[in-house]
PDB file of N, CA and C in Angstrom:
ATOM      1  N   MET A   1       0.716  -1.282   0.344  1.00  0.00           N
ATOM      2  CA  MET A   1      -0.044   0.204   0.146  1.00  0.00           C
ATOM      3  C   MET A   1       1.334   1.339  -0.330  1.00  0.00           C
ATOM      4  N   ILE A   2       0.344   1.994  -0.524  1.00  0.00           N
ATOM      5  CA  ILE A   2       1.621   3.572  -0.884  1.00  0.00           C
ATOM      6  C   ILE A   2       0.722   4.233   0.127  1.00  0.00           C
ATOM      7  N   HIS A   3       1.696   5.197   0.755  1.00  0.00           N
ATOM      8  CA  HIS A   3       0.921   6.135   1.463  1.00  0.00           C
ATOM      9  C   HIS A   3       1.578   7.153   1.166  1.00  0.00           C
ATOM     10  N   PRO A   4       0.822   8.632   1.558  1.00  0.00           N
ATOM     11  CA  PRO A   4       1.246   9.418   0.899  1.00  0.00           C
ATOM     12  C   PRO A   4       2.636  10.385   1.390  1.00  0.00           C
ATOM     13  N   HIS A   5       3.152   9.939   2.026  1.00  0.00           N
ATOM     14  CA  HIS A   5       5.078  10.325   2.640  1.00  0.00           C
ATOM     15  C   HIS A   5       5.881   9.413   2.067  1.00  0.00           C
ATOM     16  N   ASP A   6       5.203   7.960   1.085  1.00  0.00           N
ATOM     17  CA  ASP A   6       6.335   7.396   1.127  1.00  0.00           C
ATOM     18  C   ASP A   6       6.928   8.321  -0.622  1.00  0.00           C
ATOM     19  N   ASP A   7       8.355   8.279  -0.744  1.00  0.00           N
ATOM     20  CA  ASP A   7       9.335   8.987  -1.651  1.00  0.00           C
ATOM     21  C   ASP A   7       8.935   8.024  -2.689  1.00  0.00           C
ATOM     22  N   LEU A   8       8.914   8.600  -3.994  1.00  0.00           N
ATOM     23  CA  LEU A   8       8.659   7.839  -4.958  1.00  0.00           C
ATOM     24  C   LEU A   8       9.598   7.160  -5.550  1.00  0.00           C
ATOM     25  N   ALA A   9      11.360   7.600  -5.520  1.00  0.00           N
ATOM     26  CA  ALA A   9      12.004   7.211  -5.503  1.00  0.00           C
ATOM     27  C   ALA A   9      12.139   5.976  -5.149  1.00  0.00           C
ATOM     28  N   THR A  10      11.869   5.672  -3.899  1.00  0.00           N
ATOM     29  CA  THR A  10      12.366   4.798  -3.163  1.00  0.00           C
ATOM     30  C   THR A  10      11.311   3.479  -3.668  1.00  0.00           C
ATOM     31  N   LEU A  11       9.908   4.227  -3.759  1.00  0.00           N
ATOM     32  CA  LEU A  11       9.067   3.084  -3.958  1.00  0.00           C
ATOM     33  C   LEU A  11       9.221   2.652  -5.317  1.00  0.00           C
ATOM     34  N   LEU A  12       9.852   2.883  -6.247  1.00  0.00           N
ATOM     35  CA  LEU A  12      10.576   2.756  -7.836  1.00  0.00           C
ATOM     36  C   LEU A  12      11.974   1.880  -7.817  1.00  0.00           C
ATOM     37  N   PHE A  13      12.718   2.028  -6.833  1.00  0.00           N
ATOM     38  CA  PHE A  13      13.829   1.418  -6.806  1.00  0.00           C
ATOM     39  C   PHE A  13      14.141   0.790  -5.620  1.00  0.00           C
ATOM     40  N   THR A  14      13.598   0.538  -4.666  1.00  0.00           N
ATOM     41  CA  THR A  14      13.458  -0.229  -3.499  1.00  0.00           C
ATOM     42  C   THR A  14      13.501  -1.971  -4.101  1.00  0.00           C
ATOM     43  N   ARG A  15      14.147  -2.793  -4.292  1.00  0.00           N
ATOM     44  CA  ARG A  15      13.707  -4.182  -4.631  1.00  0.00           C
ATOM     45  C   ARG A  15      12.908  -5.167  -3.729  1.00  0.00           C
ATOM     46  N   ALA A  16      11.677  -5.955  -3.999  1.00  0.00           N
ATOM     47  CA  ALA A  16      11.152  -6.089  -3.047  1.00  0.00           C
ATOM     48  C   ALA A  16      11.328  -7.254  -2.221  1.00  0.00           C
ATOM     49  N   ASP A  17      12.399  -8.327  -2.944  1.00  0.00           N
ATOM     50  CA  ASP A  17      13.599  -8.654  -2.056  1.00  0.00           C
ATOM     51  C   ASP A  17      14.941  -9.180  -2.363  1.00  0.00           C
ATOM     52  N   PRO A  18      15.926  -8.468  -2.357  1.00  0.00           N
ATOM     53  CA  PRO A  18      17.319  -8.708  -2.957  1.00  0.00           C
ATOM     54  C   PRO A  18      18.133  -9.982  -2.405  1.00  0.00           C
ATOM     55  N   ASP A  19      17.244 -10.664  -1.706  1.00  0.00           N
ATOM     56  CA  ASP A  19      17.776 -12.314  -1.740  1.00  0.00           C
ATOM     57  C   ASP A  19      17.121 -13.129  -2.689  1.00  0.00           C
ATOM     58  N   ALA A  20      16.416 -12.905  -3.070  1.00  0.00           N
ATOM     59  CA  ALA A  20      16.115 -13.904  -3.889  1.00  0.00           C
ATOM     60  C   ALA A  20      16.448 -13.252  -5.116  1.00  0.00           C
ATOM     61  N   GLU A  21      16.575 -12.067  -5.413  1.00  0.00           N
ATOM     62  CA  GLU A  21      17.989 -11.702  -6.859  1.00  0.00           C
ATOM     63  C   GLU A  21      19.166 -11.843  -6.840  1.00  0.00           C
ATOM     64  N   ARG A  22      19.944 -12.047  -5.725  1.00  0.00           N
ATOM     65  CA  ARG A  22      20.845 -12.485  -5.403  1.00  0.00           C
ATOM     66  C   ARG A  22      21.374 -14.416  -5.491  1.00  0.00           C
ATOM     67  N   ASN A  23      19.481 -15.141  -5.152  1.00  0.00           N
ATOM     68  CA  ASN A  23      20.003 -16.323  -4.840  1.00  0.00           C
ATOM     69  C   ASN A  23      19.736 -16.745  -6.661  1.00  0.00           C
ATOM     70  N   ALA A  24      18.771 -15.792  -6.987  1.00  0.00           N
ATOM     71  CA  ALA A  24      18.792 -16.294  -8.602  1.00  0.00           C
ATOM     72  C   ALA A  24      20.037 -15.800  -9.400  1.00  0.00           C
ATOM     73  N   ALA A  25      20.537 -14.850  -9.245  1.00  0.00           N
ATOM     74  CA  ALA A  25      22.022 -15.113  -9.936  1.00  0.00           C
ATOM     75  C   ALA A  25      23.155 -15.763  -9.429  1.00  0.00           C
ATOM     76  N   THR A  26      22.478 -16.278  -8.242  1.00  0.00           N
ATOM     77  CA  THR A  26      24.132 -17.691  -7.831  1.00  0.00           C
ATOM     78  C   THR A  26      23.864 -18.707  -8.782  1.00  0.00           C
ATOM     79  N   ALA A  27      22.302 -18.680  -8.789  1.00  0.00           N
ATOM     80  CA  ALA A  27      21.348 -20.175  -8.840  1.00  0.00           C
ATOM     81  C   ALA A  27      21.865 -20.305 -10.529  1.00  0.00           C
ATOM     82  N   MET A  28      21.900 -19.224 -11.532  1.00  0.00           N
ATOM     83  CA  MET A  28      22.389 -18.893 -12.921  1.00  0.00           C
ATOM     84  C   MET A  28      24.006 -19.396 -13.127  1.00  0.00           C
ATOM     85  N   ALA A  29      24.740 -18.308 -12.082  1.00  0.00           N
ATOM     86  CA  ALA A  29      26.020 -19.119 -12.205  1.00  0.00           C
ATOM     87  C   ALA A  29      26.657 -19.990 -11.825  1.00  0.00           C
ATOM     88  N   ALA A  30      25.858 -21.448 -11.280  1.00  0.00           N
ATOM     89  CA  ALA A  30      26.225 -22.464 -10.785  1.00  0.00           C
ATOM     90  C   ALA A  30      25.337 -23.336 -12.297  1.00  0.00           C
ATOM     91  N   SER A  31      24.475 -22.839 -13.139  1.00  0.00           N
ATOM     92  CA  SER A  31      24.005 -23.370 -14.193  1.00  0.00           C
ATOM     93  C   SER A  31      24.927 -23.040 -14.978  1.00  0.00           C
ATOM     94  N   VAL A  32      25.647 -21.986 -15.184  1.00  0.00           N
ATOM     95  CA  VAL A  32      26.450 -21.578 -16.122  1.00  0.00           C
ATOM     96  C   VAL A  32      27.545 -22.532 -15.959  1.00  0.00           C
ATOM     97  N   THR A  33      28.142 -22.818 -14.964  1.00  0.00           N
ATOM     98  CA  THR A  33      29.303 -23.546 -14.489  1.00  0.00           C
ATOM     99  C   THR A  33      29.225 -25.101 -14.771  1.00  0.00           C
ATOM    100  N   ARG A  34      27.932 -25.626 -14.095  1.00  0.00           N
ATOM    101  CA  ARG A  34      27.838 -27.145 -14.781  1.00  0.00           C
ATOM    102  C   ARG A  34      28.047 -27.159 -16.414  1.00  0.00           C
ATOM    103  N   THR A  35      27.258 -26.450 -17.071  1.00  0.00           N
ATOM    104  CA  THR A  35      27.130 -26.181 -18.538  1.00  0.00           C
ATOM    105  C   THR A  35      28.575 -26.114 -19.015  1.00  0.00           C
ATOM    106  N   LEU A  36      29.286 -25.351 -18.806  1.00  0.00           N
ATOM    107  CA  LEU A  36      30.482 -25.076 -19.317  1.00  0.00           C
ATOM    108  C   LEU A  36      31.452 -26.265 -18.923  1.00  0.00           C
ATOM    109  N   ARG A  37      31.581 -27.324 -17.701  1.00  0.00           N
ATOM    110  CA  ARG A  37      31.910 -28.249 -17.313  1.00  0.00           C
ATOM    111  C   ARG A  37      31.468 -29.504 -18.253  1.00  0.00           C
ATOM    112  N   MET A  38      30.030 -29.791 -18.562  1.00  0.00           N
ATOM    113  CA  MET A  38      29.675 -30.660 -19.424  1.00  0.00           C
ATOM    114  C   MET A  38      30.382 -30.537 -20.540  1.00  0.00           C
ATOM    115  N   ALA A  39      30.414 -29.351 -21.176  1.00  0.00           N
ATOM    116  CA  ALA A  39      31.232 -29.174 -22.620  1.00  0.00           C
ATOM    117  C   ALA A  39      32.368 -29.328 -22.248  1.00  0.00           C
ATOM    118  N   ALA A  40      33.545 -28.972 -21.817  1.00  0.00           N
ATOM    119  CA  ALA A  40      34.707 -29.009 -21.353  1.00  0.00           C
ATOM    120  C   ALA A  40      34.915 -30.695 -21.836  1.00  0.00           C
ATOM    121  N   THR A  41      33.747 -31.714 -20.363  1.00  0.00           N
ATOM    122  CA  THR A  41      34.258 -32.863 -20.420  1.00  0.00           C
ATOM    123  C   THR A  41      34.304 -33.465 -21.870  1.00  0.00           C
ATOM    124  N   LEU A  42      32.975 -32.853 -22.690  1.00  0.00           N
ATOM    125  CA  LEU A  42      32.528 -33.627 -23.925  1.00  0.00           C
ATOM    126  C   LEU A  42      33.719 -32.958 -25.101  1.00  0.00           C
ATOM    127  N   ALA A  43      34.390 -31.816 -25.224  1.00  0.00           N
ATOM    128  CA  ALA A  43      35.276 -31.296 -26.373  1.00  0.00           C
ATOM    129  C   ALA A  43      36.779 -32.414 -25.701  1.00  0.00           C
ATOM    130  N   GLU A  44      37.322 -32.914 -24.525  1.00  0.00           N
ATOM    131  CA  GLU A  44      38.353 -33.520 -23.610  1.00  0.00           C
ATOM    132  C   GLU A  44      38.165 -34.949 -24.153  1.00  0.00           C
ATOM    133  N   ALA A  45      36.544 -35.218 -24.616  1.00  0.00           N
ATOM    134  CA  ALA A  45      36.735 -36.582 -25.265  1.00  0.00           C
ATOM    135  C   ALA A  45      36.566 -36.557 -26.632  1.00  0.00           C
ATOM    136  N   GLY A  46      36.866 -35.647 -27.103  1.00  0.00           N
ATOM    137  CA  GLY A  46      36.944 -35.505 -28.829  1.00  0.00           C
ATOM    138  C   GLY A  46      35.500 -35.235 -29.286  1.00  0.00           C
ATOM    139  N   ARG A  47      34.364 -34.786 -28.859  1.00  0.00           N
ATOM    140  CA  ARG A  47      33.152 -34.748 -29.672  1.00  0.00           C
ATOM    141  C   ARG A  47      32.911 -33.409 -29.807  1.00  0.00           C
ATOM    142  N   LYS A  48      32.509 -33.335 -31.130  1.00  0.00           N
ATOM    143  CA  LYS A  48      32.457 -31.884 -31.304  1.00  0.00           C
ATOM    144  C   LYS A  48      30.891 -31.178 -30.264  1.00  0.00           C
ATOM    145  N   ILE A  49      31.309 -29.794 -29.970  1.00  0.00           N
ATOM    146  CA  ILE A  49      30.706 -29.043 -28.905  1.00  0.00           C
ATOM    147  C   ILE A  49      30.045 -27.636 -30.767  1.00  0.00           C
ATOM    148  N   ASP A  50      29.146 -26.684 -29.921  1.00  0.00           N
ATOM    149  CA  ASP A  50      29.046 -25.808 -30.253  1.00  0.00           C
ATOM    150  C   ASP A  50      28.942 -24.748 -29.503  1.00  0.00           C
ATOM    151  N   ILE A  51      29.811 -24.156 -28.942  1.00  0.00           N
ATOM    152  CA  ILE A  51      29.736 -22.672 -28.183  1.00  0.00           C
ATOM    153  C   ILE A  51      29.080 -21.821 -27.899  1.00  0.00           C
ATOM    154  N   THR A  52      28.648 -21.156 -29.122  1.00  0.00           N
ATOM    155  CA  THR A  52      28.613 -20.090 -29.776  1.00  0.00           C
ATOM    156  C   THR A  52      27.543 -19.131 -28.417  1.00  0.00           C
ATOM    157  N   GLY A  53      26.312 -20.292 -28.194  1.00  0.00           N
ATOM    158  CA  GLY A  53      25.299 -19.738 -27.156  1.00  0.00           C
ATOM    159  C   GLY A  53      26.050 -19.158 -25.736  1.00  0.00           C
ATOM    160  N   LEU A  54      27.513 -19.695 -25.252  1.00  0.00           N
ATOM    161  CA  LEU A  54      28.099 -20.122 -24.162  1.00  0.00           C
ATOM    162  C   LEU A  54      27.906 -18.750 -23.810  1.00  0.00           C
ATOM    163  N   GLU A  55      28.638 -18.232 -24.633  1.00  0.00           N
ATOM    164  CA  GLU A  55      29.481 -16.688 -24.373  1.00  0.00           C
ATOM    165  C   GLU A  55      28.020 -15.418 -24.190  1.00  0.00           C
ATOM    166  N   ASN A  56      26.764 -15.975 -24.682  1.00  0.00           N
ATOM    167  CA  ASN A  56      25.508 -15.275 -24.606  1.00  0.00           C
ATOM    168  C   ASN A  56      24.920 -15.276 -23.336  1.00  0.00           C
ATOM    169  N   TRP A  57      25.288 -16.648 -22.631  1.00  0.00           N
ATOM    170  CA  TRP A  57      24.509 -17.050 -21.696  1.00  0.00           C
ATOM    171  C   TRP A  57      25.260 -16.505 -20.193  1.00  0.00           C
ATOM    172  N   VAL A  58      26.587 -16.220 -20.401  1.00  0.00           N
ATOM    173  CA  VAL A  58      27.543 -15.930 -19.571  1.00  0.00           C
ATOM    174  C   VAL A  58      27.389 -14.236 -19.784  1.00  0.00           C
ATOM    175  N   GLY A  59      27.118 -13.659 -20.724  1.00  0.00           N
ATOM    176  CA  GLY A  59      26.559 -12.045 -21.088  1.00  0.00           C
ATOM    177  C   GLY A  59      25.269 -11.747 -19.855  1.00  0.00           C
ATOM    178  N   ARG A  60      24.920 -12.586 -20.064  1.00  0.00           N
ATOM    179  CA  ARG A  60      23.488 -12.521 -19.202  1.00  0.00           C
ATOM    180  C   ARG A  60      23.209 -13.037 -18.002  1.00  0.00           C
ATOM    181  N   LEU A  61      24.336 -13.693 -17.525  1.00  0.00           N
ATOM    182  CA  LEU A  61      25.032 -13.623 -16.120  1.00  0.00           C
ATOM    183  C   LEU A  61      25.570 -12.357 -15.885  1.00  0.00           C
ATOM    184  N   VAL A  62      26.407 -11.646 -16.393  1.00  0.00           N
ATOM    185  CA  VAL A  62      27.099 -10.558 -16.211  1.00  0.00           C
ATOM    186  C   VAL A  62      26.332  -9.762 -15.984  1.00  0.00           C
ATOM    187  N   ALA A  63      25.242  -9.349 -16.666  1.00  0.00           N
ATOM    188  CA  ALA A  63      24.102  -8.289 -16.926  1.00  0.00           C
ATOM    189  C   ALA A  63      23.296  -8.682 -15.358  1.00  0.00           C
ATOM    190  N   ARG A  64      22.803  -9.810 -15.285  1.00  0.00           N
ATOM    191  CA  ARG A  64      21.882 -10.117 -14.162  1.00  0.00           C
ATOM    192  C   ARG A  64      22.336  -9.917 -12.924  1.00  0.00           C
ATOM    193  N   THR A  65      24.005  -9.737 -12.854  1.00  0.00           N
ATOM    194  CA  THR A  65      24.876  -9.411 -11.871  1.00  0.00           C
ATOM    195  C   THR A  65      25.491  -8.127 -11.363  1.00  0.00           C
ATOM    196  N   LEU A  66      25.606  -7.460 -12.631  1.00  0.00           N
ATOM    197  CA  LEU A  66      25.042  -5.863 -12.366  1.00  0.00           C
ATOM    198  C   LEU A  66      23.555  -5.174 -11.546  1.00  0.00           C
ATOM    199  N   ASP A  67      22.768  -5.887 -12.253  1.00  0.00           N
ATOM    200  CA  ASP A  67      21.718  -5.276 -11.836  1.00  0.00           C
ATOM    201  C   ASP A  67      21.451  -5.076 -10.090  1.00  0.00           C
ATOM    202  N   LEU A  68      22.399  -6.340  -9.840  1.00  0.00           N
ATOM    203  CA  LEU A  68      21.910  -6.991  -7.897  1.00  0.00           C
ATOM    204  C   LEU A  68      23.029  -5.160  -7.240  1.00  0.00           C
ATOM    205  N   GLU A  69      22.507  -5.405  -5.701  1.00  0.00           N
ATOM    206  CA  GLU A  69      22.985  -4.507  -5.124  1.00  0.00           C
ATOM    207  C   GLU A  69      24.777  -4.511  -5.186  1.00  0.00           C
ATOM    208  N   PRO A  70      25.403  -3.514  -5.238  1.00  0.00           N
ATOM    209  CA  PRO A  70      26.821  -3.642  -5.208  1.00  0.00           C
ATOM    210  C   PRO A  70      27.767  -4.458  -4.336  1.00  0.00           C
ATOM    211  N   ALA A  71      27.269  -4.574  -3.293  1.00  0.00           N
ATOM    212  CA  ALA A  71      27.724  -5.654  -2.185  1.00  0.00           C
ATOM    213  C   ALA A  71      27.774  -6.911  -2.884  1.00  0.00           C
ATOM    214  N   ASP A  72      26.074  -7.375  -3.134  1.00  0.00           N
ATOM    215  CA  ASP A  72      26.018  -8.540  -3.897  1.00  0.00           C
ATOM    216  C   ASP A  72      26.778  -9.050  -5.088  1.00  0.00           C
ATOM    217  N   GLY A  73      27.085  -7.829  -5.768  1.00  0.00           N
ATOM    218  CA  GLY A  73      27.379  -8.104  -6.868  1.00  0.00           C
ATOM    219  C   GLY A  73      28.503  -8.649  -6.748  1.00  0.00           C
ATOM    220  N   ARG A  74      29.829  -7.927  -5.962  1.00  0.00           N
ATOM    221  CA  ARG A  74      30.824  -8.344  -5.611  1.00  0.00           C
ATOM    222  C   ARG A  74      30.985  -9.793  -4.723  1.00  0.00           C
ATOM    223  N   LEU A  75      29.815 -10.213  -4.214  1.00  0.00           N
ATOM    224  CA  LEU A  75      30.079 -11.667  -3.931  1.00  0.00           C
ATOM    225  C   LEU A  75      30.053 -12.772  -5.096  1.00  0.00           C
ATOM    226  N   LEU A  76      29.732 -12.474  -6.483  1.00  0.00           N
ATOM    227  CA  LEU A  76      29.401 -13.209  -6.920  1.00  0.00           C
ATOM    228  C   LEU A  76      30.717 -13.191  -8.363  1.00  0.00           C
ATOM    229  N   ARG A  77      31.913 -11.883  -8.055  1.00  0.00           N
ATOM    230  CA  ARG A  77      32.988 -11.414  -8.811  1.00  0.00           C
ATOM    231  C   ARG A  77      33.837 -12.708  -9.147  1.00  0.00           C
ATOM    232  N   PRO A  78      34.394 -13.463  -7.810  1.00  0.00           N
ATOM    233  CA  PRO A  78      34.876 -14.658  -7.899  1.00  0.00           C
ATOM    234  C   PRO A  78      34.993 -15.820  -9.308  1.00  0.00           C
ATOM    235  N   THR A  79      33.063 -15.731  -8.617  1.00  0.00           N
ATOM    236  CA  THR A  79      32.694 -17.079  -9.677  1.00  0.00           C
ATOM    237  C   THR A  79      32.449 -16.426 -11.396  1.00  0.00           C
ATOM    238  N   LEU A  80      32.200 -14.741 -11.639  1.00  0.00           N
ATOM    239  CA  LEU A  80      32.411 -14.406 -12.840  1.00  0.00           C
ATOM    240  C   LEU A  80      33.727 -14.911 -13.424  1.00  0.00           C
ATOM    241  N   ILE A  81      35.376 -14.618 -12.983  1.00  0.00           N
ATOM    242  CA  ILE A  81      36.388 -14.427 -13.504  1.00  0.00           C
ATOM    243  C   ILE A  81      36.875 -15.949 -13.229  1.00  0.00           C
ATOM    244  N   SER A  82      36.147 -16.824 -12.538  1.00  0.00           N
ATOM    245  CA  SER A  82      36.461 -18.197 -12.932  1.00  0.00           C
ATOM    246  C   SER A  82      35.569 -18.605 -13.996  1.00  0.00           C
ATOM    247  N   LEU A  83      34.382 -18.300 -14.307  1.00  0.00           N
ATOM    248  CA  LEU A  83      33.571 -18.546 -15.690  1.00  0.00           C
ATOM    249  C   LEU A  83      34.618 -18.319 -16.956  1.00  0.00           C
ATOM    250  N   LEU A  84      34.358 -17.148 -16.658  1.00  0.00           N
ATOM    251  CA  LEU A  84      35.787 -16.512 -17.759  1.00  0.00           C
ATOM    252  C   LEU A  84      36.580 -17.066 -18.369  1.00  0.00           C
ATOM    253  N   ALA A  85      37.206 -17.739 -17.225  1.00  0.00           N
ATOM    254  CA  ALA A  85      38.465 -18.166 -17.939  1.00  0.00           C
ATOM    255  C   ALA A  85      38.491 -19.448 -18.226  1.00  0.00           C
ATOM    256  N   ASP A  86      37.166 -20.200 -17.618  1.00  0.00           N
ATOM    257  CA  ASP A  86      36.879 -21.818 -18.176  1.00  0.00           C
ATOM    258  C   ASP A  86      36.614 -21.901 -19.692  1.00  0.00           C
ATOM    259  N   LEU A  87      35.422 -20.282 -19.577  1.00  0.00           N
ATOM    260  CA  LEU A  87      35.151 -19.940 -21.176  1.00  0.00           C
ATOM    261  C   LEU A  87      36.562 -20.287 -21.926  1.00  0.00           C
ATOM    262  N   ASP A  88      37.402 -19.172 -21.871  1.00  0.00           N
ATOM    263  CA  ASP A  88      38.277 -18.999 -22.447  1.00  0.00           C
ATOM    264  C   ASP A  88      38.977 -19.966 -22.953  1.00  0.00           C
ATOM    265  N   ARG A  89      39.135 -21.162 -21.699  1.00  0.00           N
ATOM    266  CA  ARG A  89      39.951 -22.209 -22.022  1.00  0.00           C
ATOM    267  C   ARG A  89      39.107 -23.125 -22.915  1.00  0.00           C
ATOM    268  N   LEU A  90      37.477 -23.237 -22.825  1.00  0.00           N
ATOM    269  CA  LEU A  90      36.892 -24.420 -23.551  1.00  0.00           C
ATOM    270  C   LEU A  90      36.595 -23.408 -24.903  1.00  0.00           C
ATOM    271  N   GLU A  91      37.040 -22.595 -25.530  1.00  0.00           N
ATOM    272  CA  GLU A  91      37.077 -21.728 -26.286  1.00  0.00           C
ATOM    273  C   GLU A  91      38.418 -22.089 -27.466  1.00  0.00           C
ATOM    274  N   HIS A  92      39.533 -22.483 -26.713  1.00  0.00           N
ATOM    275  CA  HIS A  92      40.613 -22.257 -26.933  1.00  0.00           C
ATOM    276  C   HIS A  92      40.657 -23.845 -27.725  1.00  0.00           C
ATOM    277  N   MET A  93      40.301 -24.817 -26.667  1.00  0.00           N
ATOM    278  CA  MET A  93      40.021 -26.353 -26.752  1.00  0.00           C
ATOM    279  C   MET A  93      39.455 -26.452 -28.101  1.00  0.00           C
ATOM    280  N   VAL A  94      38.408 -26.163 -28.437  1.00  0.00           N
ATOM    281  CA  VAL A  94      37.635 -26.139 -29.535  1.00  0.00           C
ATOM    282  C   VAL A  94      38.257 -25.892 -30.541  1.00  0.00           C
ATOM    283  N   ARG A  95      38.886 -24.361 -30.650  1.00  0.00           N
ATOM    284  CA  ARG A  95      39.759 -23.952 -31.642  1.00  0.00           C
ATOM    285  C   ARG A  95      40.443 -24.725 -32.291  1.00  0.00           C
ATOM    286  N   SER A  96      41.839 -25.396 -31.078  1.00  0.00           N
ATOM    287  CA  SER A  96      42.695 -26.119 -31.688  1.00  0.00           C
ATOM    288  C   SER A  96      42.346 -27.434 -32.090  1.00  0.00           C
ATOM    289  N   ARG A  97      40.918 -27.875 -32.287  1.00  0.00           N
ATOM    290  CA  ARG A  97      40.790 -28.977 -32.996  1.00  0.00           C
ATOM    291  C   ARG A  97      39.690 -29.073 -34.011  1.00  0.00           C
ATOM    292  N   MET A  98      39.986 -27.443 -34.801  1.00  0.00           N
ATOM    293  CA  MET A  98      39.056 -27.048 -35.852  1.00  0.00           C
ATOM    294  C   MET A  98      40.323 -27.355 -36.877  1.00  0.00           C
ATOM    295  N   PRO A  99      39.714 -28.071 -37.985  1.00  0.00           N
ATOM    296  CA  PRO A  99      40.465 -27.638 -39.227  1.00  0.00           C
ATOM    297  C   PRO A  99      40.744 -26.440 -39.602  1.00  0.00           C
ATOM    298  N   GLU A 100      41.688 -26.188 -40.393  1.00  0.00           N
ATOM    299  CA  GLU A 100      42.391 -24.832 -40.602  1.00  0.00           C
ATOM    300  C   GLU A 100      41.250 -23.937 -41.176  1.00  0.00           C
ATOM    301  N   ALA A 101      40.671 -24.850 -41.909  1.00  0.00           N
ATOM    302  CA  ALA A 101      39.811 -24.087 -43.133  1.00  0.00           C
ATOM    303  C   ALA A 101      38.753 -23.435 -42.183  1.00  0.00           C
ATOM    304  N   GLY A 102      38.236 -24.241 -41.043  1.00  0.00           N
ATOM    305  CA  GLY A 102      37.156 -23.831 -40.124  1.00  0.00           C
ATOM    306  C   GLY A 102      37.490 -22.653 -39.304  1.00  0.00           C
ATOM    307  N   ARG A 103      38.603 -22.285 -38.859  1.00  0.00           N
ATOM    308  CA  ARG A 103      39.120 -20.929 -38.150  1.00  0.00           C
ATOM    309  C   ARG A 103      38.923 -19.997 -38.557  1.00  0.00           C
TER     310      ARG A 103
END
């Protein structure tokens, strides 16, 4: 319920449940991590994989993290750094196995 004395900016920018947003971002990060690990396992086994969508997914995770309160976003920073390194390793692995014409 809105009261006449409520500040409009506070009403517009106060998050209903900041824990839910942080938990959703953490769950998304865990899902991306699992997907990257599965893709790396498949690539190591010599299977062909397509990683074009993974960068998009990581980008959405970064955007979601930026939407968090700064303190909550900083909590996910190590995870994002690790995911970026994993994604770079996976990309290198996939590219190193591509024929010259496909590079």
